């Protein structure tokens, strides 16, 4: 049994040795395959548009803290009273649970409405120094990748340059995009990447999260400019969302405050005019009318003072609900390309070329051996 096993190992070793000999004998085929792969790798590197990456890191404080730790709660503590309870209002909205959390930021940036807003922004084209929209830059100035050349040419032949690149979003109606507009939205979405990194214990005792926004563009300057545009619009979106209801309440209370003030001033003037016109008059009807005017003035004064306090409270709520973003890493113009990765492409293609060359040699040997057996 052992002799049989040793015999098989010897034959296997001889077969492997013979195989290596045959590959070496036909190494020219392998070298040609490696050379062809090397040339193909050079072509891929040359034809692939260069990409430059810009990253911005933000620290976003969570709005999940209670009202006691907010600005309104602190002011109430200083006065020794719960201001929200005294005014009959729920001021927990200063840090409400309905605030937009950082975990949703990637979904916001990838939404169609957000991307269409970015596409409509104006930038300066680096070469011509002319003002164009992001949509026009992606459509007319960016180079397609090797894999996307065919789709790029077909899109040009079908649509030309007459299509409206920026769609107008009409409230209450579905957003209708042309094929070219949809392609631009998808292309911009592929350029933007948003990552949320959790960090234990925020700067103010709450949970903080680091937001990394990265942009890849074919121009290093535009990469940094677009990154700033995305971050700026993201900040505005989040601030408007978190403070929207509080601002509406503030506008409503401000309007009621102005009405109450005007009413108070009118009742105050009516009472003063009545006293001036009835000096030294002692009549029951005079006293009755004055009591009525005093009551109206007292009610108007009470409402006016109450709304004045609520107005100040609402201003504090807006401030309390406005999220704070700390820029950890600002946008910097990249000095080195991030794509294509020349070394990786060359090494990968050389391995592929060697594998293809060896496969060709072995295939020919197998076919030749099969024919000899026949």
Protein backbone atom coordinates (compact mmCIF):
# COMPACT_ATOMS: atom_id res chain seq x y z
CA UNK A 1 0.00 0.00 0.00
CA UNK A 2 2.82 2.40 0.93
CA UNK A 3 4.67 1.53 -2.24
CA UNK A 4 1.60 2.38 -4.29
CA UNK A 5 1.21 5.75 -2.55
CA UNK A 6 4.86 6.62 -3.05
CA UNK A 7 4.58 5.67 -6.69
CA UNK A 8 1.59 8.03 -7.16
CA UNK A 9 3.47 10.88 -5.43
CA UNK A 10 6.47 10.33 -7.66
CA UNK A 11 4.25 10.36 -10.77
CA UNK A 12 2.47 13.49 -9.53
CA UNK A 13 5.80 15.19 -8.87
CA UNK A 14 7.00 14.22 -12.29
CA UNK A 15 3.78 15.59 -13.80
CA UNK A 16 4.18 18.91 -11.98
CA UNK A 17 7.82 19.12 -12.96
CA UNK A 18 6.94 18.36 -16.54
CA UNK A 19 4.20 21.00 -16.38
CA UNK A 20 6.60 23.68 -15.20
CA UNK A 21 9.05 22.67 -17.91
CA UNK A 22 6.41 23.06 -20.58
CA UNK A 23 5.35 26.44 -19.24
CA UNK A 24 8.98 27.56 -19.20
CA UNK A 25 9.47 26.29 -22.71
CA UNK A 26 6.59 28.41 -23.88
CA UNK A 27 7.35 31.37 -21.62
CA UNK A 28 7.20 33.64 -24.65
CA UNK A 29 3.40 33.31 -24.66
CA UNK A 30 3.30 34.19 -20.97
CA UNK A 31 5.56 37.21 -21.47
CA UNK A 32 3.47 38.44 -24.38
CA UNK A 33 0.32 38.13 -22.26
CA UNK A 34 1.95 40.04 -19.38
CA UNK A 35 3.16 42.73 -21.79
CA UNK A 36 -0.32 43.06 -23.30
CA UNK A 37 -1.80 43.35 -19.81
CA UNK A 38 0.78 46.01 -18.92
CA UNK A 39 -0.08 48.04 -22.04
CA UNK A 40 -3.80 47.67 -21.27
CA UNK A 41 -3.16 48.87 -17.72
CA UNK A 42 -1.34 51.96 -19.03
CA UNK A 43 -4.25 52.68 -21.38
CA UNK A 44 -6.74 52.35 -18.53
CA UNK A 45 -4.72 54.69 -16.30
CA UNK A 46 -4.32 57.28 -19.07
CA UNK A 47 -7.96 57.24 -20.21
CA UNK A 48 -9.53 57.12 -16.75
CA UNK A 49 -10.29 60.69 -15.58
CA UNK A 50 -8.42 61.73 -12.46
CA UNK A 51 -10.52 62.13 -9.33
CA UNK A 52 -9.69 64.37 -6.36
CA UNK A 53 -11.27 63.82 -2.96
CA UNK A 54 -12.15 66.47 -0.38
CA UNK A 55 -13.31 65.55 3.13
CA UNK A 56 -15.01 67.71 5.74
CA UNK A 57 -15.57 66.53 9.31
CA UNK A 58 -18.28 68.04 11.51
CA UNK A 59 -19.19 67.50 15.13
CA UNK A 60 -22.98 67.53 15.55
CA UNK A 61 -24.38 67.83 19.06
CA UNK A 62 -27.49 65.75 19.72
CA UNK A 63 -30.80 67.51 20.46
CA UNK A 64 -32.03 64.72 22.72
CA UNK A 65 -31.32 66.57 25.98
CA UNK A 66 -34.17 67.57 28.30
CA UNK A 67 -35.45 71.09 28.68
CA UNK A 68 -33.79 71.44 32.07
CA UNK A 69 -30.37 71.45 30.40
CA UNK A 70 -31.49 73.83 27.66
CA UNK A 71 -31.22 77.59 27.64
CA UNK A 72 -34.85 78.02 28.71
CA UNK A 73 -34.46 75.61 31.62
CA UNK A 74 -31.33 77.40 32.79
CA UNK A 75 -33.07 80.79 32.75
CA UNK A 76 -36.03 79.30 34.62
CA UNK A 77 -33.66 77.90 37.23
CA UNK A 78 -32.02 81.28 37.71
CA UNK A 79 -35.38 82.92 38.36
CA UNK A 80 -36.39 80.16 40.77
CA UNK A 81 -39.46 79.23 38.76
CA UNK A 82 -40.51 76.97 35.93
CA UNK A 83 -41.22 79.58 33.28
CA UNK A 84 -42.86 77.13 30.91
CA UNK A 85 -45.33 76.00 33.57
CA UNK A 86 -46.11 79.58 34.61
CA UNK A 87 -46.89 80.57 31.03
CA UNK A 88 -48.96 77.46 30.36
CA UNK A 89 -46.66 76.37 27.56
CA UNK A 90 -44.69 73.19 26.91
CA UNK A 91 -41.17 74.37 26.32
CA UNK A 92 -39.60 70.92 26.01
CA UNK A 93 -39.46 71.69 22.30
CA UNK A 94 -36.13 73.38 22.95
CA UNK A 95 -34.55 69.97 22.66
CA UNK A 96 -37.45 67.87 21.46
CA UNK A 97 -37.25 64.24 20.46
CA UNK A 98 -38.62 65.14 17.02
CA UNK A 99 -35.34 66.82 16.07
CA UNK A 100 -33.50 65.53 13.04
CA UNK A 101 -30.80 63.12 14.25
CA UNK A 102 -27.38 62.75 12.56
CA UNK A 103 -28.21 59.16 11.58
CA UNK A 104 -30.60 60.57 8.96
CA UNK A 105 -28.07 62.96 7.39
CA UNK A 106 -26.92 60.45 4.71
CA UNK A 107 -30.55 59.97 3.62
CA UNK A 108 -31.02 63.73 3.38
CA UNK A 109 -27.93 64.23 1.23
CA UNK A 110 -28.97 61.40 -1.10
CA UNK A 111 -32.55 62.67 -1.49
CA UNK A 112 -33.58 63.94 -4.93
CA UNK A 113 -34.73 67.35 -3.70
CA UNK A 114 -31.44 67.97 -1.90
CA UNK A 115 -29.40 66.89 -4.94
CA UNK A 116 -31.50 69.06 -7.27
CA UNK A 117 -30.81 72.01 -4.96
CA UNK A 118 -27.05 71.37 -5.23
CA UNK A 119 -27.28 71.02 -9.02
CA UNK A 120 -28.84 74.49 -9.23
CA UNK A 121 -25.98 76.15 -7.32
CA UNK A 122 -23.57 78.36 -9.25
CA UNK A 123 -19.83 77.64 -9.35
CA UNK A 124 -16.87 79.03 -11.28
CA UNK A 125 -15.49 76.82 -14.02
CA UNK A 126 -11.70 76.66 -13.38
CA UNK A 127 -10.50 77.00 -16.99
CA UNK A 128 -12.88 79.58 -18.47
CA UNK A 129 -13.59 81.30 -15.11
CA UNK A 130 -17.22 81.56 -16.18
CA UNK A 131 -20.16 81.15 -13.79
CA UNK A 132 -22.08 77.93 -14.44
CA UNK A 133 -24.34 75.66 -12.44
CA UNK A 134 -23.17 72.38 -11.00
CA UNK A 135 -25.55 70.64 -13.40
CA UNK A 136 -23.92 72.26 -16.43
CA UNK A 137 -20.45 71.38 -15.18
CA UNK A 138 -21.33 67.71 -14.73
CA UNK A 139 -23.06 67.66 -18.11
CA UNK A 140 -20.58 69.58 -20.28
CA UNK A 141 -17.20 69.68 -18.54
CA UNK A 142 -16.76 66.38 -16.71
CA UNK A 143 -15.15 63.51 -18.62
CA UNK A 144 -16.83 60.09 -18.69
CA UNK A 145 -15.04 57.02 -17.41
CA UNK A 146 -14.02 54.22 -19.79
CA UNK A 147 -17.03 52.13 -18.84
CA UNK A 148 -19.35 55.08 -19.25
CA UNK A 149 -18.19 56.37 -22.64
CA UNK A 150 -20.84 54.46 -24.59
CA UNK A 151 -23.67 55.68 -22.33
CA UNK A 152 -22.24 59.22 -22.47
CA UNK A 153 -22.22 59.27 -26.30
CA UNK A 154 -25.72 57.79 -26.53
CA UNK A 155 -27.00 60.38 -24.07
CA UNK A 156 -25.42 63.18 -26.11
CA UNK A 157 -26.96 61.90 -29.35
CA UNK A 158 -30.41 61.50 -27.82
CA UNK A 159 -30.67 64.65 -25.75
CA UNK A 160 -28.13 67.04 -27.16
CA UNK A 161 -27.70 70.16 -25.05
CA UNK A 162 -31.23 71.55 -25.35
CA UNK A 163 -32.68 69.77 -22.32
CA UNK A 164 -33.42 71.84 -19.26
CA UNK A 165 -30.88 70.54 -16.75
CA UNK A 166 -32.57 71.82 -13.60
CA UNK A 167 -36.12 70.76 -12.86
CA UNK A 168 -38.47 73.05 -10.94
CA UNK A 169 -40.16 71.45 -7.97
CA UNK A 170 -43.80 72.64 -7.77
CA UNK A 171 -45.29 72.12 -4.28
CA UNK A 172 -48.16 69.65 -4.25
CA UNK A 173 -47.16 68.07 -7.55
CA UNK A 174 -44.92 65.05 -8.24
CA UNK A 175 -41.38 65.83 -9.35
CA UNK A 176 -40.95 65.06 -13.05
CA UNK A 177 -37.39 64.52 -14.27
CA UNK A 178 -36.14 63.90 -17.78
CA UNK A 179 -33.68 61.09 -18.46
CA UNK A 180 -30.81 63.56 -18.54
CA UNK A 181 -31.86 65.17 -15.26
CA UNK A 182 -32.20 61.77 -13.60
CA UNK A 183 -28.71 60.84 -14.82
CA UNK A 184 -27.27 64.05 -13.37
CA UNK A 185 -28.94 63.40 -10.01
CA UNK A 186 -27.53 59.87 -9.98
CA UNK A 187 -24.07 61.08 -11.01
CA UNK A 188 -24.01 63.70 -8.26
CA UNK A 189 -25.22 61.15 -5.72
CA UNK A 190 -22.28 58.89 -6.64
CA UNK A 191 -19.84 61.77 -6.02
CA UNK A 192 -21.09 62.46 -2.47
CA UNK A 193 -20.46 60.21 0.52
CA UNK A 194 -21.66 60.87 4.08
CA UNK A 195 -20.56 58.74 7.05
CA UNK A 196 -21.79 59.08 10.62
CA UNK A 197 -19.36 58.08 13.37
CA UNK A 198 -20.68 57.77 16.91
CA UNK A 199 -18.62 59.21 19.75
CA UNK A 200 -19.29 58.59 23.41
CA UNK A 201 -20.19 61.58 25.55
CA UNK A 202 -20.54 64.88 23.70
CA UNK A 203 -18.85 68.13 24.55
CA UNK A 204 -21.90 69.23 26.50
CA UNK A 205 -22.62 65.90 28.15
CA UNK A 206 -24.96 64.62 25.42
CA UNK A 207 -24.30 62.15 22.67
CA UNK A 208 -22.21 63.65 19.87
CA UNK A 209 -21.60 62.29 16.40
CA UNK A 210 -18.93 63.06 13.85
CA UNK A 211 -20.20 63.62 10.31
CA UNK A 212 -17.70 62.98 7.50
CA UNK A 213 -18.70 64.46 4.14
CA UNK A 214 -16.48 63.50 1.20
CA UNK A 215 -16.69 64.65 -2.43
CA UNK A 216 -14.86 63.24 -5.46
CA UNK A 217 -14.49 65.50 -8.49
CA UNK A 218 -12.25 65.68 -11.54
CA UNK A 219 -11.01 69.13 -10.53
CA UNK A 220 -9.34 69.60 -7.10
CA UNK A 221 -10.69 73.14 -6.60
CA UNK A 222 -14.25 72.20 -7.51
CA UNK A 223 -13.98 69.20 -5.21
CA UNK A 224 -13.43 71.56 -2.26
CA UNK A 225 -16.06 74.05 -3.49
CA UNK A 226 -18.71 71.36 -3.92
CA UNK A 227 -17.91 69.92 -0.49
CA UNK A 228 -18.54 73.33 1.07
CA UNK A 229 -21.81 73.66 -0.88
CA UNK A 230 -23.05 70.29 0.33
CA UNK A 231 -22.16 70.98 3.96
CA UNK A 232 -23.68 74.49 3.87
CA UNK A 233 -26.95 73.23 2.40
CA UNK A 234 -27.03 70.34 4.85
CA UNK A 235 -26.66 72.78 7.77
CA UNK A 236 -29.47 74.98 6.44
CA UNK A 237 -31.73 71.97 5.92
CA UNK A 238 -31.17 70.68 9.46
CA UNK A 239 -31.53 74.09 11.10
CA UNK A 240 -34.75 74.83 9.18
CA UNK A 241 -36.16 71.44 10.12
CA UNK A 242 -35.29 71.66 13.81
CA UNK A 243 -36.44 75.26 14.22
CA UNK A 244 -39.34 75.31 11.73
CA UNK A 245 -42.13 74.72 14.23
CA UNK A 246 -40.55 77.05 16.80
CA UNK A 247 -40.26 79.82 14.19
CA UNK A 248 -43.91 79.39 13.21
CA UNK A 249 -44.89 79.67 16.87
CA UNK A 250 -42.71 82.75 17.21
CA UNK A 251 -44.37 84.44 14.22
CA UNK A 252 -47.83 83.61 15.57
CA UNK A 253 -47.07 84.90 19.06
CA UNK A 254 -45.38 88.01 17.64
CA UNK A 255 -48.51 88.85 15.64
CA UNK A 256 -50.74 88.33 18.71
CA UNK A 257 -48.31 90.42 20.77
CA UNK A 258 -48.58 93.37 18.37
CA UNK A 259 -52.40 93.11 18.43
CA UNK A 260 -52.44 92.97 22.24
CA UNK A 261 -50.11 95.95 22.49
CA UNK A 262 -52.26 98.03 20.18
CA UNK A 263 -55.37 97.08 22.15
CA UNK A 264 -53.66 97.92 25.45
CA UNK A 265 -52.55 101.32 24.17
CA UNK A 266 -56.10 102.07 22.98
CA UNK A 267 -57.74 101.13 26.30
CA UNK A 268 -55.06 103.07 28.19
CA UNK A 269 -55.68 106.18 26.07
CA UNK A 270 -59.48 105.76 26.36
CA UNK A 271 -59.21 105.64 30.15
CA UNK A 272 -56.95 108.69 30.25
CA UNK A 273 -59.25 110.66 27.91
CA UNK A 274 -62.26 109.69 30.00
CA UNK A 275 -60.58 110.94 33.21
CA UNK A 276 -59.58 114.19 31.52
CA UNK A 277 -63.12 114.85 30.34
CA UNK A 278 -64.77 114.01 33.67
CA UNK A 279 -62.68 115.87 36.23
CA UNK A 280 -64.59 116.81 39.40
CA UNK A 281 -67.70 115.04 38.13
CA UNK A 282 -69.31 112.89 40.83
CA UNK A 283 -71.95 110.69 39.22
CA UNK A 284 -72.70 106.99 39.55
CA UNK A 285 -72.76 106.60 35.77
CA UNK A 286 -69.29 108.17 35.54
CA UNK A 287 -67.92 105.77 38.14
CA UNK A 288 -69.56 102.83 36.35
CA UNK A 289 -68.12 103.79 32.98
CA UNK A 290 -64.68 104.30 34.51
CA UNK A 291 -64.80 100.88 36.16
CA UNK A 292 -65.66 99.36 32.80
CA UNK A 293 -62.72 101.15 31.13
CA UNK A 294 -60.42 100.10 33.98
CA UNK A 295 -61.51 96.47 33.58
CA UNK A 296 -60.88 96.56 29.83
CA UNK A 297 -57.51 98.21 30.37
CA UNK A 298 -56.60 95.69 33.07
CA UNK A 299 -57.50 92.75 30.81
CA UNK A 300 -55.61 94.29 27.89
CA UNK A 301 -52.60 94.94 30.14
CA UNK A 302 -52.65 91.36 31.46
CA UNK A 303 -52.84 89.88 27.95
CA UNK A 304 -50.14 92.26 26.71
CA UNK A 305 -47.75 91.33 29.54
CA UNK A 306 -48.47 87.62 29.10
CA UNK A 307 -47.79 87.70 25.36
CA UNK A 308 -44.65 89.79 25.90
CA UNK A 309 -43.30 87.05 28.17
CA UNK A 310 -44.35 84.33 25.74
CA UNK A 311 -42.64 86.21 22.91
CA UNK A 312 -39.36 86.23 24.79
CA UNK A 313 -39.81 82.55 25.64
CA UNK A 314 -40.39 81.73 21.95
CA UNK A 315 -37.21 83.58 20.96
CA UNK A 316 -35.30 81.48 23.48
CA UNK A 317 -36.84 78.27 22.11
CA UNK A 318 -35.70 79.12 18.57
CA UNK A 319 -32.18 79.70 19.84
CA UNK A 320 -32.30 76.55 21.95
CA UNK A 321 -33.44 74.39 19.04
CA UNK A 322 -30.80 75.71 16.63
CA UNK A 323 -28.20 72.93 16.34
CA UNK A 324 -24.52 73.72 16.68
CA UNK A 325 -22.00 72.34 14.19
CA UNK A 326 -18.30 72.38 14.98
CA UNK A 327 -16.00 71.98 12.00
CA UNK A 328 -13.25 69.53 12.94
CA UNK A 329 -11.63 69.25 9.52
CA UNK A 330 -12.36 72.04 6.99
CA UNK A 331 -12.43 71.66 3.21
CA UNK A 332 -8.93 71.68 1.73
CA UNK A 333 -8.00 71.64 -1.95
CA UNK A 334 -6.56 68.12 -2.50
CA UNK A 335 -3.00 67.95 -3.81
CA UNK A 336 -3.03 64.29 -4.87
CA UNK A 337 -5.50 62.33 -6.94
CA UNK A 338 -7.45 59.54 -5.28
CA UNK A 339 -8.32 57.76 -8.53
CA UNK A 340 -7.20 56.00 -10.63
CA UNK A 341 -4.85 54.04 -8.35
CA UNK A 342 -1.98 53.50 -10.80
CA UNK A 343 0.03 51.01 -8.73
CA UNK A 344 -2.98 48.86 -7.91
CA UNK A 345 -4.12 48.77 -11.54
CA UNK A 346 -0.63 47.85 -12.82
CA UNK A 347 -0.09 45.08 -10.27
CA UNK A 348 -3.56 43.66 -10.80
CA UNK A 349 -3.25 43.66 -14.58
CA UNK A 350 0.20 42.02 -14.43
CA UNK A 351 -1.24 39.19 -12.35
CA UNK A 352 -4.13 38.86 -14.77
CA UNK A 353 -1.74 38.85 -17.73
CA UNK A 354 0.40 36.12 -16.14
CA UNK A 355 -2.67 34.04 -15.32
CA UNK A 356 -4.04 34.39 -18.86
CA UNK A 357 -0.65 33.47 -20.36
CA UNK A 358 -0.34 30.32 -18.23
CA UNK A 359 -3.94 29.40 -19.01
CA UNK A 360 -3.26 29.69 -22.75
CA UNK A 361 -0.18 27.46 -22.48
CA UNK A 362 -1.99 24.81 -20.41
CA UNK A 363 -5.01 24.88 -22.72
CA UNK A 364 -2.81 24.29 -25.76
CA UNK A 365 -1.03 21.43 -24.00
CA UNK A 366 -4.35 19.86 -23.01
CA UNK A 367 -5.69 20.09 -26.56
CA UNK A 368 -2.46 18.68 -27.98
CA UNK A 369 -2.49 15.79 -25.47
CA UNK A 370 -6.13 15.04 -26.27
CA UNK A 371 -5.38 14.92 -30.00
CA UNK A 372 -2.40 12.60 -29.45
CA UNK A 373 -4.58 10.18 -27.51
CA UNK A 374 -7.05 10.06 -30.36
